[in-house]
Amino acid sequence: MTETTTGGTARTPEFRLASEVIATLRQDLLTDAFAYRPLPLAQGPGRFVRRLPRVIRQYAPWRQYAAVAALAFLVMLFTVNTHSGYLGDAAQLAMGLIAATPVLMTLVRPIAAWWAAVAMTVVLAALGGAVNWPWPPGSFLSYIAVMFLVTLRTRPRVAAWMWTLTLALGFALTVVLGNRWGSNLPEMAVTSAFALVIAGSIQIRRAAKAEVSAQQEVTAVERDKRTLLEERTTIARELHDVVAHHMSVVAIQAEAAPYRVKNPPPELEAAFVTIRENAVAALTELRRVLGVVRSADYEAPDAPQPTLASLDGLLANVREAGLSVEKTITGAVRELPQGVELSAYRIIQEALSNTLRHAPGATAEVEVSYVLGGLGIRIVNDPATGDARPSPGAGHGITGMRERVAMLEGEMTAGRTAAGGYEVAVFIPVPHRPEPAPEPQGEMA
């Protein structure tokens, strides 16, 4: 099947394929061939650079430039030595510089460097060499080095084009110029093929590693966001349970209160009706807003939410898991709002879980302080001991703690101690609630 263009000329599939091949060649080796593309500086100190003195280590980002410059110098020396038998010193130096120039050009203009290597091949083939032709030893080494470096700077498809055109160049020089000692084109074809395969493999591996690293960064960010949302969802569920319970109690007490007073005044009955209506409306709105965070398969726990009164059971569980922990309570123990009690319990639970995971063999101490303005919590552990290895983790538990503390308008600090352990300190403000005045005793009938 053929394709007809606007002018009526039929285009065969072979013609279209040839057009695409030529377009690819033009894009890879001709379009912006002399564009300025400097080699990026090396990232990171490297495994061996860390051991160098600081004076030298500050120039570590330029190590790739130094390596290419050293390779160009080696090519120049090799070219000069291989032509020392039948050329003068000036001619030898000129040939060495001609061979080294394309290698240096790979630092700033990689595609142009390969075209310069092609020109270098023609020039040195015409000037010198009898047995090794059309690539004398110095030209051979320079050409292989340029193709290797250009492949590292570009992509494997460019390497395939360079290898194909190299074969065409060697064949053309052999046919046009000729040489009675034969041609080293087969050696160039095999050697360059191995060099390009190695360089292409390195480039593919480097690109895959960069892609994986970028994907890991994106995954880490998404994981942090997901952890934060999950923690907020959990807090919202617990808040829903706590507030809904109290609002339900308010509504029930407001409805039952008028029946506990004999002949209540109408104003009192109206006030209780208003309280009950507001409580029911608030409860409905709360369930509508916070209820959306519940998943379809979420079931409210049958057991009551844990409080600081359940702290002994938590400590017993972590002791059975192998963590030596002590509890200290200061101040006058009093009943706190259920949201504060639940958050304090969860913070201590998460901190001890982190100690179990990240500091195996350590001892921990939990301090709960009841002060006038609120509740203070401090969980500190020693460094890990023994042969046990810490469990790897991303540290999302700290994020959840901060979310709970921020929800209650508290303050939190977490970090390493001077002894090498870890400390979490939290203060949750609790407004002072005055004790209700005793009800006056009614007269006995």
Protein backbone atom coordinates (compact mmCIF):
# COMPACT_ATOMS: atom_id res chain seq x y z
CA MET A 1 0.00 0.00 0.00
CA THR A 2 1.35 3.44 -0.97
CA GLU A 3 0.63 6.89 0.36
CA THR A 4 -0.20 9.78 -1.99
CA THR A 5 1.04 13.24 -1.08
CA THR A 6 -0.74 16.51 -1.79
CA GLY A 7 1.05 16.89 -5.12
CA GLY A 8 -0.07 13.45 -6.22
CA THR A 9 3.30 11.69 -5.82
CA ALA A 10 3.02 8.19 -4.35
CA ARG A 11 5.18 7.48 -1.29
CA THR A 12 6.02 3.86 -0.63
CA PRO A 13 6.57 2.45 2.88
CA GLU A 14 10.28 2.12 2.07
CA PHE A 15 10.45 5.81 1.23
CA ARG A 16 8.70 6.75 4.47
CA LEU A 17 11.06 4.53 6.46
CA ALA A 18 14.08 6.12 4.78
CA SER A 19 12.69 9.58 5.52
CA GLU A 20 12.25 8.71 9.19
CA VAL A 21 15.79 7.32 9.40
CA ILE A 22 17.24 10.45 7.82
CA ALA A 23 15.18 12.64 10.14
CA THR A 24 16.51 10.70 13.14
CA LEU A 25 20.09 11.09 11.92
CA ARG A 26 19.56 14.81 11.41
CA GLN A 27 18.11 15.19 14.89
CA ASP A 28 20.87 13.24 16.65
CA LEU A 29 24.04 14.32 14.85
CA LEU A 30 23.26 17.45 12.81
CA THR A 31 20.70 19.61 14.65
CA ASP A 32 22.54 21.82 17.13
CA ALA A 33 25.66 19.70 16.68
CA PHE A 34 27.87 22.58 17.86
CA ALA A 35 25.60 23.60 20.75
CA TYR A 36 27.34 24.47 24.00
CA ARG A 37 26.58 21.63 26.44
CA PRO A 38 29.09 21.72 29.31
CA LEU A 39 29.60 18.63 31.40
CA PRO A 40 27.78 19.06 34.74
CA LEU A 41 29.90 19.13 37.85
CA ALA A 42 30.06 15.93 39.87
CA GLN A 43 27.44 15.63 42.59
CA GLY A 44 28.43 14.37 46.04
CA PRO A 45 31.90 13.80 47.46
CA GLY A 46 32.22 10.20 46.30
CA ARG A 47 33.54 7.16 48.12
CA PHE A 48 37.25 7.86 47.62
CA VAL A 49 37.09 11.66 47.65
CA ARG A 50 36.05 11.65 51.33
CA ARG A 51 39.49 10.33 52.24
CA LEU A 52 41.36 13.14 50.51
CA PRO A 53 42.65 16.22 52.36
CA ARG A 54 40.24 19.11 52.67
CA VAL A 55 42.37 21.32 50.43
CA ILE A 56 41.97 18.86 47.57
CA ARG A 57 38.41 17.87 48.44
CA GLN A 58 37.08 21.36 47.66
CA TYR A 59 37.89 20.77 43.99
CA ALA A 60 36.12 17.38 43.95
CA PRO A 61 33.18 18.58 41.78
CA TRP A 62 35.67 19.16 38.93
CA ARG A 63 37.05 15.63 39.05
CA GLN A 64 35.29 14.59 35.83
CA TYR A 65 36.91 17.49 33.99
CA ALA A 66 40.28 16.48 35.40
CA ALA A 67 39.77 12.87 34.27
CA VAL A 68 38.94 13.89 30.68
CA ALA A 69 41.88 16.30 30.59
CA ALA A 70 44.18 13.53 31.81
CA LEU A 71 42.84 11.22 29.11
CA ALA A 72 43.47 13.88 26.45
CA PHE A 73 47.03 14.32 27.70
CA LEU A 74 47.55 10.56 27.56
CA VAL A 75 46.26 10.48 23.98
CA MET A 76 48.65 13.28 23.01
CA LEU A 77 51.66 11.51 24.52
CA PHE A 78 50.69 8.22 22.92
CA THR A 79 50.31 9.87 19.50
CA VAL A 80 53.66 11.65 19.78
CA ASN A 81 55.47 8.46 20.77
CA THR A 82 53.96 6.37 17.98
CA HIS A 83 55.15 8.87 15.34
CA SER A 84 58.58 9.56 16.80
CA GLY A 85 60.44 7.43 14.29
CA TYR A 86 59.83 9.29 11.06
CA LEU A 87 58.52 12.81 11.91
CA GLY A 88 60.12 15.88 13.40
CA ASP A 89 59.38 17.16 16.89
CA ALA A 90 57.05 19.92 15.69
CA ALA A 91 55.09 17.54 13.47
CA GLN A 92 54.83 15.01 16.29
CA LEU A 93 53.52 17.65 18.70
CA ALA A 94 51.04 18.89 16.10
CA MET A 95 49.69 15.40 15.52
CA GLY A 96 49.42 14.85 19.27
CA LEU A 97 47.42 18.07 19.69
CA ILE A 98 45.17 17.16 16.76
CA ALA A 99 44.43 13.80 18.37
CA ALA A 100 43.81 15.30 21.84
CA THR A 101 41.53 18.14 20.74
CA PRO A 102 38.36 16.04 20.11
CA VAL A 103 38.75 14.44 23.55
CA LEU A 104 38.78 17.85 25.22
CA MET A 105 35.81 19.00 23.13
CA THR A 106 33.60 16.32 24.71
CA LEU A 107 33.55 18.47 27.87
CA VAL A 108 31.58 21.28 26.21
CA ARG A 109 30.34 20.16 22.77
CA PRO A 110 29.93 16.37 22.66
CA ILE A 111 28.38 15.97 19.19
CA ALA A 112 30.82 18.45 17.67
CA ALA A 113 33.63 16.48 19.33
CA TRP A 114 32.70 13.40 17.32
CA TRP A 115 32.69 15.34 14.06
CA ALA A 116 36.10 16.70 15.07
CA ALA A 117 37.24 13.11 15.63
CA VAL A 118 36.09 12.26 12.10
CA ALA A 119 38.11 15.18 10.74
CA MET A 120 41.08 14.13 12.88
CA THR A 121 40.86 10.63 11.39
CA VAL A 122 41.04 11.96 7.84
CA VAL A 123 43.92 14.32 8.62
CA LEU A 124 46.08 11.81 10.50
CA ALA A 125 45.33 9.10 7.94
CA ALA A 126 46.70 11.36 5.22
CA LEU A 127 49.74 12.52 7.21
CA GLY A 128 51.13 9.39 8.77
CA GLY A 129 50.86 5.71 9.38
CA ALA A 130 51.51 2.84 7.03
CA VAL A 131 50.74 -0.44 8.74
CA ASN A 132 47.92 0.88 10.96
CA TRP A 133 45.59 2.70 8.58
CA PRO A 134 43.31 4.65 8.36
CA TRP A 135 43.55 4.93 12.15
CA PRO A 136 47.14 5.15 13.38
CA PRO A 137 47.60 4.13 17.04
CA GLY A 138 47.13 7.64 18.44
CA SER A 139 44.15 8.33 16.20
CA PHE A 140 42.68 4.92 17.08
CA LEU A 141 42.86 5.63 20.82
CA SER A 142 41.49 9.16 20.46
CA TYR A 143 38.58 8.02 18.28
CA ILE A 144 37.56 5.25 20.71
CA ALA A 145 37.81 7.66 23.68
CA VAL A 146 35.66 10.27 21.94
CA MET A 147 32.96 7.76 21.03
CA PHE A 148 32.93 6.41 24.59
CA LEU A 149 32.65 9.87 26.19
CA VAL A 150 30.03 11.10 23.72
CA THR A 151 27.88 8.05 24.45
CA LEU A 152 28.07 8.81 28.17
CA ARG A 153 26.92 12.37 27.42
CA THR A 154 24.07 11.49 25.03
CA ARG A 155 22.04 8.30 24.54
CA PRO A 156 22.44 4.82 23.01
CA ARG A 157 20.79 5.79 19.72
CA VAL A 158 23.53 8.34 19.08
CA ALA A 159 26.08 5.59 19.73
CA ALA A 160 24.45 3.42 17.07
CA TRP A 161 24.65 6.26 14.55
CA MET A 162 28.31 6.95 15.37
CA TRP A 163 29.24 3.29 14.96
CA THR A 164 27.39 3.02 11.64
CA LEU A 165 29.00 6.15 10.24
CA THR A 166 32.39 5.01 11.50
CA LEU A 167 32.13 1.88 9.38
CA ALA A 168 31.10 4.04 6.42
CA LEU A 169 34.06 6.37 7.05
CA GLY A 170 36.56 3.54 7.24
CA PHE A 171 35.21 1.92 4.09
CA ALA A 172 35.26 5.23 2.20
CA LEU A 173 38.86 5.98 3.20
CA THR A 174 39.93 2.49 2.22
CA VAL A 175 38.28 2.74 -1.20
CA VAL A 176 39.20 6.35 -2.01
CA LEU A 177 42.72 6.62 -0.61
CA GLY A 178 43.63 2.96 -0.55
CA ASN A 179 46.57 1.39 1.21
CA ARG A 180 48.72 -1.51 0.12
CA TRP A 181 49.10 -2.77 3.66
CA GLY A 182 45.36 -3.14 4.17
CA SER A 183 42.98 -1.48 6.59
CA ASN A 184 42.41 -1.73 10.34
CA LEU A 185 38.67 -1.11 9.89
CA PRO A 186 37.74 -4.57 11.34
CA GLU A 187 39.72 -3.80 14.50
CA MET A 188 38.00 -0.42 14.83
CA ALA A 189 34.57 -1.97 14.26
CA VAL A 190 35.02 -4.60 16.98
CA THR A 191 36.77 -2.36 19.52
CA SER A 192 34.34 0.53 19.10
CA ALA A 193 31.37 -1.84 19.36
CA PHE A 194 32.60 -3.11 22.75
CA ALA A 195 33.33 0.43 23.94
CA LEU A 196 29.92 1.70 22.90
CA VAL A 197 28.10 -1.23 24.49
CA ILE A 198 29.88 -0.56 27.78
CA ALA A 199 29.22 3.19 27.62
CA GLY A 200 25.59 2.62 26.65
CA SER A 201 25.11 0.23 29.58
CA ILE A 202 26.55 2.80 31.97
CA GLN A 203 24.31 5.50 30.57
CA ILE A 204 21.19 3.32 30.79
CA ARG A 205 22.03 2.33 34.36
CA ARG A 206 22.65 5.96 35.29
CA ALA A 207 19.34 7.06 33.80
CA ALA A 208 17.48 4.23 35.55
CA LYS A 209 19.12 5.10 38.85
CA ALA A 210 18.14 8.76 38.48
CA GLU A 211 14.57 7.76 37.65
CA VAL A 212 14.38 5.45 40.66
CA SER A 213 15.79 8.18 42.91
CA ALA A 214 13.24 10.68 41.65
CA GLN A 215 10.46 8.14 42.12
CA GLN A 216 11.63 7.42 45.66
CA GLU A 217 11.50 11.13 46.49
CA VAL A 218 7.97 11.37 45.13
CA THR A 219 7.00 8.21 47.02
CA ALA A 220 8.47 9.56 50.26
CA VAL A 221 6.50 12.80 49.91
CA GLU A 222 3.29 10.91 49.14
CA ARG A 223 3.92 8.54 52.05
CA ASP A 224 4.35 11.48 54.43
CA LYS A 225 1.14 13.04 53.17
CA ARG A 226 -0.72 9.75 53.48
CA THR A 227 0.57 9.20 57.00
CA LEU A 228 -0.47 12.69 57.98
CA LEU A 229 -3.96 12.20 56.53
CA GLU A 230 -4.33 8.82 58.21
CA GLU A 231 -3.32 10.29 61.55
CA ARG A 232 -5.73 13.18 61.14
CA THR A 233 -8.44 10.72 60.21
CA THR A 234 -7.78 8.72 63.36
CA ILE A 235 -7.84 11.87 65.47
CA ALA A 236 -11.09 12.96 63.85
CA ARG A 237 -12.68 9.59 64.58
CA GLU A 238 -11.62 9.67 68.21
CA LEU A 239 -12.72 13.30 68.53
CA HIS A 240 -16.06 12.35 67.08
CA ASP A 241 -16.49 9.59 69.64
CA VAL A 242 -15.46 11.80 72.56
CA VAL A 243 -17.48 14.91 71.68
CA ALA A 244 -20.51 12.94 70.51
CA HIS A 245 -20.63 11.13 73.84
CA HIS A 246 -20.61 14.34 75.85
CA MET A 247 -23.09 16.12 73.60
CA SER A 248 -25.43 13.16 73.89
CA VAL A 249 -25.17 13.31 77.69
CA VAL A 250 -25.91 17.05 77.61
CA ALA A 251 -29.00 16.50 75.46
CA ILE A 252 -30.32 13.72 77.72
CA GLN A 253 -29.70 15.66 80.93
CA ALA A 254 -31.31 18.79 79.49
CA GLU A 255 -34.40 16.77 78.59
CA ALA A 256 -34.62 15.09 81.98
CA ALA A 257 -33.76 18.10 84.12
CA PRO A 258 -37.26 19.69 84.21
CA TYR A 259 -38.72 16.50 85.65
CA ARG A 260 -36.34 16.61 88.61
CA VAL A 261 -37.71 19.92 89.84
CA LYS A 262 -41.17 20.23 91.27
CA ASN A 263 -43.23 22.83 89.47
CA PRO A 264 -40.35 24.38 87.47
CA PRO A 265 -40.93 27.92 86.18
CA PRO A 266 -41.66 28.28 82.47
CA GLU A 267 -38.41 30.18 81.96
CA LEU A 268 -36.41 27.23 83.29
CA GLU A 269 -38.29 24.76 81.09
CA ALA A 270 -37.68 26.98 78.02
CA ALA A 271 -33.96 27.21 78.90
CA PHE A 272 -33.64 23.43 79.14
CA VAL A 273 -35.50 23.00 75.84
CA THR A 274 -33.10 25.45 74.19
CA ILE A 275 -30.10 23.62 75.65
CA ARG A 276 -31.38 20.29 74.39
CA GLU A 277 -32.12 21.66 70.90
CA ASN A 278 -28.68 23.23 70.64
CA ALA A 279 -27.00 20.04 71.84
CA VAL A 280 -28.91 17.91 69.32
CA ALA A 281 -28.14 20.37 66.51
CA ALA A 282 -24.46 20.46 67.44
CA LEU A 283 -24.37 16.66 67.63
CA THR A 284 -26.00 16.36 64.21
CA GLU A 285 -23.59 18.87 62.65
CA LEU A 286 -20.62 17.19 64.30
CA ARG A 287 -21.62 13.79 62.96
CA ARG A 288 -22.19 15.25 59.50
CA VAL A 289 -18.78 16.93 59.34
CA LEU A 290 -16.60 14.37 61.09
CA GLY A 291 -18.56 11.34 59.95
CA VAL A 292 -17.23 11.69 56.40
CA VAL A 293 -13.79 10.62 57.58
CA ARG A 294 -15.06 7.22 58.59
CA SER A 295 -14.35 4.52 56.07
CA ALA A 296 -17.10 2.21 54.95
CA ASP A 297 -15.76 -0.68 56.99
CA TYR A 298 -14.98 1.33 60.11
CA GLU A 299 -16.70 0.11 63.24
CA ALA A 300 -16.73 2.06 66.44
CA PRO A 301 -14.98 0.20 69.24
CA ASP A 302 -17.23 -1.42 71.78
CA ALA A 303 -14.79 -0.80 74.63
CA PRO A 304 -14.37 2.73 76.05
CA GLN A 305 -11.46 4.79 74.76
CA PRO A 306 -8.27 4.45 76.85
CA THR A 307 -7.29 7.13 79.36
CA LEU A 308 -4.36 7.73 81.68
CA ALA A 309 -6.05 5.40 84.14
CA SER A 310 -5.21 2.59 81.67
CA LEU A 311 -1.52 3.53 81.62
CA ASP A 312 -0.47 0.66 83.88
CA GLY A 313 -1.86 -1.87 81.42
CA LEU A 314 0.07 -0.22 78.58
CA LEU A 315 3.31 -0.31 80.56
CA ALA A 316 2.73 -3.96 81.39
CA ASN A 317 2.35 -4.76 77.69
CA VAL A 318 5.57 -3.04 76.69
CA ARG A 319 7.42 -4.72 79.56
CA GLU A 320 6.26 -8.09 78.23
CA ALA A 321 7.66 -7.02 74.84
CA GLY A 322 11.09 -6.56 76.43
CA LEU A 323 11.20 -2.84 77.28
CA SER A 324 12.19 -1.88 80.80
CA VAL A 325 10.08 1.16 81.66
CA GLU A 326 9.39 3.09 84.85
CA LYS A 327 6.47 5.44 85.57
CA THR A 328 6.54 8.61 87.66
CA ILE A 329 3.46 10.69 88.47
CA THR A 330 3.79 14.11 90.03
CA GLY A 331 1.12 16.51 91.16
CA ALA A 332 -2.43 15.87 92.27
CA VAL A 333 -4.07 13.32 89.99
CA ARG A 334 -7.38 14.64 88.71
CA GLU A 335 -9.84 13.87 85.99
CA LEU A 336 -9.08 15.62 82.71
CA PRO A 337 -11.21 16.10 79.59
CA GLN A 338 -11.58 12.86 77.72
CA GLY A 339 -9.86 14.24 74.60
CA VAL A 340 -6.80 15.20 76.65
CA GLU A 341 -6.74 11.82 78.39
CA LEU A 342 -6.97 9.94 75.10
CA SER A 343 -4.31 12.04 73.36
CA ALA A 344 -1.93 11.72 76.31
CA TYR A 345 -2.39 7.95 76.31
CA ARG A 346 -1.77 7.73 72.54
CA ILE A 347 1.35 9.91 72.74
CA ILE A 348 2.87 7.74 75.46
CA GLN A 349 1.90 4.61 73.51
CA GLU A 350 3.56 5.87 70.31
CA ALA A 351 6.69 7.03 72.11
CA LEU A 352 7.17 3.66 73.78
CA SER A 353 6.52 1.88 70.48
CA ASN A 354 9.25 3.99 68.87
CA THR A 355 11.59 3.03 71.69
CA LEU A 356 10.90 -0.65 71.09
CA ARG A 357 11.57 -0.29 67.36
CA HIS A 358 14.50 2.10 67.27
CA ALA A 359 16.27 1.52 70.61
CA PRO A 360 16.18 -2.22 71.40
CA GLY A 361 17.59 -3.09 74.78
CA ALA A 362 17.18 0.45 76.13
CA THR A 363 15.37 1.50 79.29
CA ALA A 364 12.62 4.12 79.25
CA GLU A 365 11.01 6.43 81.75
CA VAL A 366 7.51 7.90 81.60
CA GLU A 367 6.72 10.98 83.66
CA VAL A 368 3.20 12.40 83.94
CA SER A 369 2.89 15.76 85.68
CA TYR A 370 -0.44 17.21 86.76
CA VAL A 371 0.13 20.95 87.04
CA LEU A 372 -2.26 23.84 87.56
CA GLY A 373 -2.33 24.91 83.91
CA GLY A 374 -2.52 21.52 82.27
CA LEU A 375 -0.77 18.19 81.84
CA GLY A 376 2.93 17.55 81.24
CA ILE A 377 4.26 14.35 79.67
CA ARG A 378 7.87 13.30 79.30
CA ILE A 379 9.09 10.04 77.75
CA VAL A 380 12.85 9.50 77.61
CA ASN A 381 14.88 6.42 76.71
CA ASP A 382 18.54 5.43 76.80
CA PRO A 383 20.57 4.51 73.69
CA ALA A 384 20.13 1.05 72.22
CA THR A 385 22.24 -1.65 73.84
CA GLY A 386 23.16 -5.22 73.06
CA ASP A 387 23.42 -6.90 69.68
CA ALA A 388 19.87 -6.13 68.61
CA ARG A 389 19.63 -3.95 65.52
CA PRO A 390 17.18 -1.01 65.39
CA SER A 391 14.23 -1.43 63.09
CA PRO A 392 14.30 0.92 60.09
CA GLY A 393 11.49 3.42 59.92
CA ALA A 394 10.53 6.79 58.51
CA GLY A 395 9.65 8.35 61.90
CA HIS A 396 5.97 9.04 61.12
CA GLY A 397 5.01 8.52 64.77
CA ILE A 398 6.48 11.92 65.65
CA THR A 399 4.22 13.48 63.03
CA GLY A 400 1.16 11.93 64.64
CA MET A 401 2.22 13.15 68.08
CA ARG A 402 2.64 16.70 66.82
CA GLU A 403 -0.79 16.56 65.20
CA ARG A 404 -2.41 15.52 68.47
CA VAL A 405 -0.59 18.18 70.47
CA ALA A 406 -1.41 20.89 67.90
CA MET A 407 -5.07 19.87 67.98
CA LEU A 408 -5.10 20.56 71.73
CA GLU A 409 -3.07 23.80 71.34
CA GLY A 410 -0.18 22.32 73.27
CA GLU A 411 3.59 22.31 72.86
CA MET A 412 5.94 19.47 72.04
CA THR A 413 9.69 18.94 71.70
CA ALA A 414 11.42 15.79 70.48
CA GLY A 415 15.07 15.07 69.88
CA ARG A 416 18.25 13.33 70.89
CA THR A 417 19.55 13.61 74.44
CA ALA A 418 23.13 14.33 75.41
CA ALA A 419 23.56 10.67 76.40
CA GLY A 420 22.52 9.46 72.93
CA GLY A 421 18.95 8.52 73.78
CA TYR A 422 15.70 10.19 72.75
CA GLU A 423 13.28 12.43 74.62
CA VAL A 424 9.71 13.50 73.92
CA ALA A 425 8.31 16.31 76.07
CA VAL A 426 4.70 17.47 75.78
CA PHE A 427 2.60 20.04 77.58
CA ILE A 428 -1.16 20.12 77.02
CA PRO A 429 -3.01 23.11 78.49
CA VAL A 430 -6.17 22.30 80.40
CA PRO A 431 -8.39 25.22 81.45
CA HIS A 432 -9.11 25.28 85.14
CA ARG A 433 -12.65 24.25 85.96
CA PRO A 434 -13.94 25.55 89.28
CA GLU A 435 -15.59 23.05 91.52
CA PRO A 436 -19.38 23.32 91.39
CA ALA A 437 -20.96 24.89 94.44
CA PRO A 438 -22.94 22.48 96.61
CA GLU A 439 -26.65 22.58 96.02
CA PRO A 440 -28.68 24.11 98.87
CA GLN A 441 -30.55 21.62 100.92
CA GLY A 442 -34.30 22.05 100.57
CA GLU A 443 -36.52 22.21 103.57
CA MET A 444 -38.05 18.96 104.61
CA ALA A 445 -41.73 18.89 104.42
